Amino acid sequence: MAFDAGKFLKTPDLESFDNLKKEELVLLAKHLKLVFKVSMRKQIIKNLVIDKLVDAEILGEEALELKVENVDAFKLKQLELEHELKLKQAETGNEGKVGNGKKEKEDELELKELKMERKRLEMEKLKIEMVKEESNTKVQSKSDYFDAAKNIRLVPRFCEKTVDKYFPQFEKIAR
């Protein structure tokens, strides 16, 4: 059963909209004459369609709940770690001078562990960025390297009887 964008717009349903596949979302976006690229991620196309449908009052405001903003997992984890760090600092501030040395050492150790975890996450992010850059640079033009198979026609035919003619011909072509 093929997806019909016009039919969907006549009887819109949030549940069926949420279950649409990327191809169906693309058809719906084209029907709504939205500016987008097919190479965009499904969620981005879905967000564009939701905005258009809510603006046109085809779907109600509750459709905005289906929109998912792209939150970087790294940033989320970093915020969690910073929050934990603030909580630990507040705890140690409340204890003040009453806390014993052992508790302070444990807190310092935990603080160091949190910092190490943060650095580890930063390293992972850098690795991911490097992999993305590598994949972008792997697509290079073929003129960057010499392909001997394509240039074999430039090498003169070798004949044992005329060896003294072969080398000057080869040198001439090599220049």
C-alpha atoms as a PDB file:
ATOM      1  CA  MET A   1       0.000   0.000   0.000  1.00  0.00           C
ATOM      2  CA  ALA A   2       1.652   3.206  -1.183  1.00  0.00           C
ATOM      3  CA  PHE A   3       1.621   6.295   1.020  1.00  0.00           C
ATOM      4  CA  ASP A   4      -0.688   9.070  -0.157  1.00  0.00           C
ATOM      5  CA  ALA A   5       0.246  12.476   1.284  1.00  0.00           C
ATOM      6  CA  GLY A   6      -3.054  14.110   0.257  1.00  0.00           C
ATOM      7  CA  LYS A   7      -5.061  11.383   1.933  1.00  0.00           C
ATOM      8  CA  PHE A   8      -2.973  11.691   5.098  1.00  0.00           C
ATOM      9  CA  LEU A   9      -3.484  15.461   5.224  1.00  0.00           C
ATOM     10  CA  LYS A  10      -7.278  15.028   4.955  1.00  0.00           C
ATOM     11  CA  THR A  11      -7.329  12.758   8.014  1.00  0.00           C
ATOM     12  CA  PRO A  12      -4.175  13.476  10.019  1.00  0.00           C
ATOM     13  CA  ASP A  13      -3.372  11.238  12.967  1.00  0.00           C
ATOM     14  CA  LEU A  14      -0.530  11.810  15.420  1.00  0.00           C
ATOM     15  CA  GLU A  15       0.105   8.120  15.993  1.00  0.00           C
ATOM     16  CA  SER A  16       0.299   7.289  12.300  1.00  0.00           C
ATOM     17  CA  PHE A  17       2.431  10.407  11.716  1.00  0.00           C
ATOM     18  CA  ASP A  18       4.869   9.277  14.400  1.00  0.00           C
ATOM     19  CA  ASN A  19       5.175   5.872  12.709  1.00  0.00           C
ATOM     20  CA  LEU A  20       5.924   7.249   9.218  1.00  0.00           C
ATOM     21  CA  LYS A  21       9.109   6.037   7.558  1.00  0.00           C
ATOM     22  CA  LYS A  22      11.655   8.422   6.081  1.00  0.00           C
ATOM     23  CA  GLU A  23      10.456   7.829   2.514  1.00  0.00           C
ATOM     24  CA  GLU A  24       6.890   8.662   3.554  1.00  0.00           C
ATOM     25  CA  LEU A  25       8.064  11.792   5.386  1.00  0.00           C
ATOM     26  CA  VAL A  26       9.930  12.839   2.230  1.00  0.00           C
ATOM     27  CA  LEU A  27       6.754  12.411   0.155  1.00  0.00           C
ATOM     28  CA  LEU A  28       4.775  14.406   2.714  1.00  0.00           C
ATOM     29  CA  ALA A  29       7.417  17.163   2.791  1.00  0.00           C
ATOM     30  CA  LYS A  30       7.394  17.352  -1.025  1.00  0.00           C
ATOM     31  CA  HIS A  31       3.597  17.562  -0.983  1.00  0.00           C
ATOM     32  CA  LEU A  32       3.836  20.451   1.507  1.00  0.00           C
ATOM     33  CA  LYS A  33       6.469  22.085  -0.750  1.00  0.00           C
ATOM     34  CA  LEU A  34       9.057  22.270   2.036  1.00  0.00           C
ATOM     35  CA  VAL A  35      12.677  23.128   1.301  1.00  0.00           C
ATOM     36  CA  PHE A  36      14.802  20.164   2.359  1.00  0.00           C
ATOM     37  CA  LYS A  37      17.290  17.622   1.099  1.00  0.00           C
ATOM     38  CA  VAL A  38      16.611  13.901   0.944  1.00  0.00           C
ATOM     39  CA  SER A  39      20.036  13.343   2.488  1.00  0.00           C
ATOM     40  CA  MET A  40      18.882  15.011   5.715  1.00  0.00           C
ATOM     41  CA  ARG A  41      18.276  12.792   8.714  1.00  0.00           C
ATOM     42  CA  LYS A  42      14.767  11.506   9.288  1.00  0.00           C
ATOM     43  CA  GLN A  43      14.330  13.441  12.529  1.00  0.00           C
ATOM     44  CA  ILE A  44      15.235  16.761  10.886  1.00  0.00           C
ATOM     45  CA  ILE A  45      12.723  16.184   8.074  1.00  0.00           C
ATOM     46  CA  LYS A  46      10.149  15.130  10.659  1.00  0.00           C
ATOM     47  CA  ASN A  47      10.732  18.341  12.643  1.00  0.00           C
ATOM     48  CA  LEU A  48      10.279  20.445   9.476  1.00  0.00           C
ATOM     49  CA  VAL A  49       7.022  18.660   8.626  1.00  0.00           C
ATOM     50  CA  ILE A  50       5.724  19.043  12.199  1.00  0.00           C
ATOM     51  CA  ASP A  51       6.451  22.780  12.127  1.00  0.00           C
ATOM     52  CA  LYS A  52       4.629  23.171   8.803  1.00  0.00           C
ATOM     53  CA  LEU A  53       1.618  21.087   9.879  1.00  0.00           C
ATOM     54  CA  VAL A  54       1.254  22.947  13.188  1.00  0.00           C
ATOM     55  CA  ASP A  55       1.588  26.334  11.444  1.00  0.00           C
ATOM     56  CA  ALA A  56      -1.082  25.310   8.937  1.00  0.00           C
ATOM     57  CA  GLU A  57      -3.216  24.067  11.878  1.00  0.00           C
ATOM     58  CA  ILE A  58      -3.491  20.608  10.343  1.00  0.00           C
ATOM     59  CA  LEU A  59      -2.062  19.094  13.514  1.00  0.00           C
ATOM     60  CA  GLY A  60      -2.597  20.495  16.994  1.00  0.00           C
ATOM     61  CA  GLU A  61      -0.007  21.865  19.409  1.00  0.00           C
ATOM     62  CA  GLU A  62       0.397  18.376  20.908  1.00  0.00           C
ATOM     63  CA  ALA A  63       2.319  17.421  17.760  1.00  0.00           C
ATOM     64  CA  LEU A  64       5.182  19.617  18.946  1.00  0.00           C
ATOM     65  CA  GLU A  65       5.848  16.977  21.610  1.00  0.00           C
ATOM     66  CA  LEU A  66       6.969  14.650  18.803  1.00  0.00           C
ATOM     67  CA  LYS A  67       9.737  17.080  17.869  1.00  0.00           C
ATOM     68  CA  VAL A  68      13.077  15.939  19.173  1.00  0.00           C
ATOM     69  CA  GLU A  69      15.847  18.470  19.358  1.00  0.00           C
ATOM     70  CA  ASN A  70      19.311  17.173  18.548  1.00  0.00           C
ATOM     71  CA  VAL A  71      21.117  17.118  21.867  1.00  0.00           C
ATOM     72  CA  ASP A  72      24.688  16.022  21.709  1.00  0.00           C
ATOM     73  CA  ALA A  73      25.150  13.069  24.075  1.00  0.00           C
ATOM     74  CA  PHE A  74      28.577  14.352  24.958  1.00  0.00           C
ATOM     75  CA  LYS A  75      27.225  17.714  26.093  1.00  0.00           C
ATOM     76  CA  LEU A  76      24.526  15.986  28.108  1.00  0.00           C
ATOM     77  CA  LYS A  77      27.059  13.797  29.885  1.00  0.00           C
ATOM     78  CA  GLN A  78      29.300  16.805  30.496  1.00  0.00           C
ATOM     79  CA  LEU A  79      26.413  18.698  32.084  1.00  0.00           C
ATOM     80  CA  GLU A  80      25.646  15.723  34.312  1.00  0.00           C
ATOM     81  CA  LEU A  81      29.258  15.550  35.456  1.00  0.00           C
ATOM     82  CA  GLU A  82      29.345  19.275  36.152  1.00  0.00           C
ATOM     83  CA  HIS A  83      26.139  18.950  38.168  1.00  0.00           C
ATOM     84  CA  GLU A  84      27.601  16.090  40.210  1.00  0.00           C
ATOM     85  CA  LEU A  85      30.732  18.148  40.777  1.00  0.00           C
ATOM     86  CA  LYS A  86      28.676  21.081  42.059  1.00  0.00           C
ATOM     87  CA  LEU A  87      26.741  18.764  44.362  1.00  0.00           C
ATOM     88  CA  LYS A  88      29.965  17.351  45.778  1.00  0.00           C
ATOM     89  CA  GLN A  89      31.360  20.836  46.304  1.00  0.00           C
ATOM     90  CA  ALA A  90      28.144  21.870  48.054  1.00  0.00           C
ATOM     91  CA  GLU A  91      28.348  18.777  50.288  1.00  0.00           C
ATOM     92  CA  THR A  92      31.920  19.492  51.286  1.00  0.00           C
ATOM     93  CA  GLY A  93      31.000  23.152  51.878  1.00  0.00           C
ATOM     94  CA  ASN A  94      28.145  22.145  54.199  1.00  0.00           C
ATOM     95  CA  GLU A  95      30.293  19.761  56.177  1.00  0.00           C
ATOM     96  CA  GLY A  96      32.881  22.495  56.599  1.00  0.00           C
ATOM     97  CA  LYS A  97      35.481  21.751  59.179  1.00  0.00           C
ATOM     98  CA  VAL A  98      33.423  18.979  60.782  1.00  0.00           C
ATOM     99  CA  GLY A  99      34.358  16.425  58.081  1.00  0.00           C
ATOM    100  CA  ASN A 100      37.299  14.167  58.791  1.00  0.00           C
ATOM    101  CA  GLY A 101      40.400  13.727  56.610  1.00  0.00           C
ATOM    102  CA  LYS A 102      39.276  10.366  55.262  1.00  0.00           C
ATOM    103  CA  LYS A 103      36.039  11.801  53.874  1.00  0.00           C
ATOM    104  CA  GLU A 104      37.915  14.687  52.248  1.00  0.00           C
ATOM    105  CA  LYS A 105      40.327  12.268  50.581  1.00  0.00           C
ATOM    106  CA  GLU A 106      37.418  10.210  49.256  1.00  0.00           C
ATOM    107  CA  ASP A 107      35.814  13.353  47.872  1.00  0.00           C
ATOM    108  CA  GLU A 108      39.064  14.432  46.234  1.00  0.00           C
ATOM    109  CA  LEU A 109      39.450  10.977  44.719  1.00  0.00           C
ATOM    110  CA  GLU A 110      35.910  11.052  43.379  1.00  0.00           C
ATOM    111  CA  LEU A 111      36.483  14.543  42.000  1.00  0.00           C
ATOM    112  CA  LYS A 112      39.599  13.330  40.193  1.00  0.00           C
ATOM    113  CA  GLU A 113      37.651  10.378  38.791  1.00  0.00           C
ATOM    114  CA  LEU A 114      34.980  12.742  37.480  1.00  0.00           C
ATOM    115  CA  LYS A 115      37.628  14.901  35.839  1.00  0.00           C
ATOM    116  CA  MET A 116      39.208  11.828  34.239  1.00  0.00           C
ATOM    117  CA  GLU A 117      35.811  10.713  32.962  1.00  0.00           C
ATOM    118  CA  ARG A 118      35.270  14.156  31.482  1.00  0.00           C
ATOM    119  CA  LYS A 119      38.647  14.049  29.728  1.00  0.00           C
ATOM    120  CA  ARG A 120      37.882  10.560  28.432  1.00  0.00           C
ATOM    121  CA  LEU A 121      34.621  11.823  26.943  1.00  0.00           C
ATOM    122  CA  GLU A 122      36.445  14.743  25.341  1.00  0.00           C
ATOM    123  CA  MET A 123      38.938  12.315  23.809  1.00  0.00           C
ATOM    124  CA  GLU A 124      36.105  10.176  22.444  1.00  0.00           C
ATOM    125  CA  LYS A 125      34.553  13.256  20.888  1.00  0.00           C
ATOM    126  CA  LEU A 126      37.881  14.164  19.269  1.00  0.00           C
ATOM    127  CA  LYS A 127      38.246  10.609  17.944  1.00  0.00           C
ATOM    128  CA  ILE A 128      34.767  10.765  16.428  1.00  0.00           C
ATOM    129  CA  GLU A 129      35.571  14.099  14.790  1.00  0.00           C
ATOM    130  CA  MET A 130      38.836  12.687  13.426  1.00  0.00           C
ATOM    131  CA  VAL A 131      37.027   9.671  11.966  1.00  0.00           C
ATOM    132  CA  LYS A 132      34.520  12.006  10.300  1.00  0.00           C
ATOM    133  CA  GLU A 133      37.357  14.089   8.853  1.00  0.00           C
ATOM    134  CA  GLU A 134      39.126  10.941   7.624  1.00  0.00           C
ATOM    135  CA  SER A 135      36.003   9.727   5.885  1.00  0.00           C
ATOM    136  CA  ASN A 136      35.670  13.129   4.214  1.00  0.00           C
ATOM    137  CA  THR A 137      39.293  13.168   3.063  1.00  0.00           C
ATOM    138  CA  LYS A 138      39.215   9.587   1.747  1.00  0.00           C
ATOM    139  CA  VAL A 139      37.111  10.798  -1.162  1.00  0.00           C
ATOM    140  CA  GLN A 140      39.882  12.382  -3.203  1.00  0.00           C
ATOM    141  CA  SER A 141      40.269  12.908  -6.893  1.00  0.00           C
ATOM    142  CA  LYS A 142      42.017  10.127  -8.724  1.00  0.00           C
ATOM    143  CA  SER A 143      44.589  12.522 -10.129  1.00  0.00           C
ATOM    144  CA  ASP A 144      46.417  12.476  -6.780  1.00  0.00           C
ATOM    145  CA  TYR A 145      48.206   9.217  -7.552  1.00  0.00           C
ATOM    146  CA  PHE A 146      49.920   7.634 -10.531  1.00  0.00           C
ATOM    147  CA  ASP A 147      48.073   4.700 -12.062  1.00  0.00           C
ATOM    148  CA  ALA A 148      50.592   2.534 -13.929  1.00  0.00           C
ATOM    149  CA  ALA A 149      47.888   0.411 -15.555  1.00  0.00           C
ATOM    150  CA  LYS A 150      46.412   3.429 -17.309  1.00  0.00           C
ATOM    151  CA  ASN A 151      49.799   4.691 -18.457  1.00  0.00           C
ATOM    152  CA  ILE A 152      51.249   1.386 -19.699  1.00  0.00           C
ATOM    153  CA  ARG A 153      50.688   2.558 -23.289  1.00  0.00           C
ATOM    154  CA  LEU A 154      53.420   5.149 -22.771  1.00  0.00           C
ATOM    155  CA  VAL A 155      56.099   2.472 -22.360  1.00  0.00           C
ATOM    156  CA  PRO A 156      57.612   1.516 -25.746  1.00  0.00           C
ATOM    157  CA  ARG A 157      57.624  -2.103 -26.881  1.00  0.00           C
ATOM    158  CA  PHE A 158      60.727  -3.972 -25.887  1.00  0.00           C
ATOM    159  CA  CYS A 159      62.514  -5.910 -28.574  1.00  0.00           C
ATOM    160  CA  GLU A 160      65.765  -7.735 -27.744  1.00  0.00           C
ATOM    161  CA  LYS A 161      67.196  -7.061 -31.194  1.00  0.00           C
ATOM    162  CA  THR A 162      66.882  -3.267 -30.837  1.00  0.00           C
ATOM    163  CA  VAL A 163      67.845  -2.732 -27.211  1.00  0.00           C
ATOM    164  CA  ASP A 164      69.929   0.340 -28.012  1.00  0.00           C
ATOM    165  CA  LYS A 165      66.802   2.020 -29.497  1.00  0.00           C
ATOM    166  CA  TYR A 166      64.567   1.071 -26.533  1.00  0.00           C
ATOM    167  CA  PHE A 167      66.373   3.100 -23.853  1.00  0.00           C
ATOM    168  CA  PRO A 168      66.431   6.425 -25.755  1.00  0.00           C
ATOM    169  CA  GLN A 169      62.723   6.002 -26.530  1.00  0.00           C
ATOM    170  CA  PHE A 170      61.968   5.282 -22.883  1.00  0.00           C
ATOM    171  CA  GLU A 171      63.963   8.312 -21.709  1.00  0.00           C
ATOM    172  CA  LYS A 172      62.216  10.530 -24.255  1.00  0.00           C
ATOM    173  CA  ILE A 173      58.777   9.502 -22.977  1.00  0.00           C
ATOM    174  CA  ALA A 174      59.843   9.769 -19.334  1.00  0.00           C
ATOM    175  CA  ARG A 175      60.708  13.453 -19.778  1.00  0.00           C
END
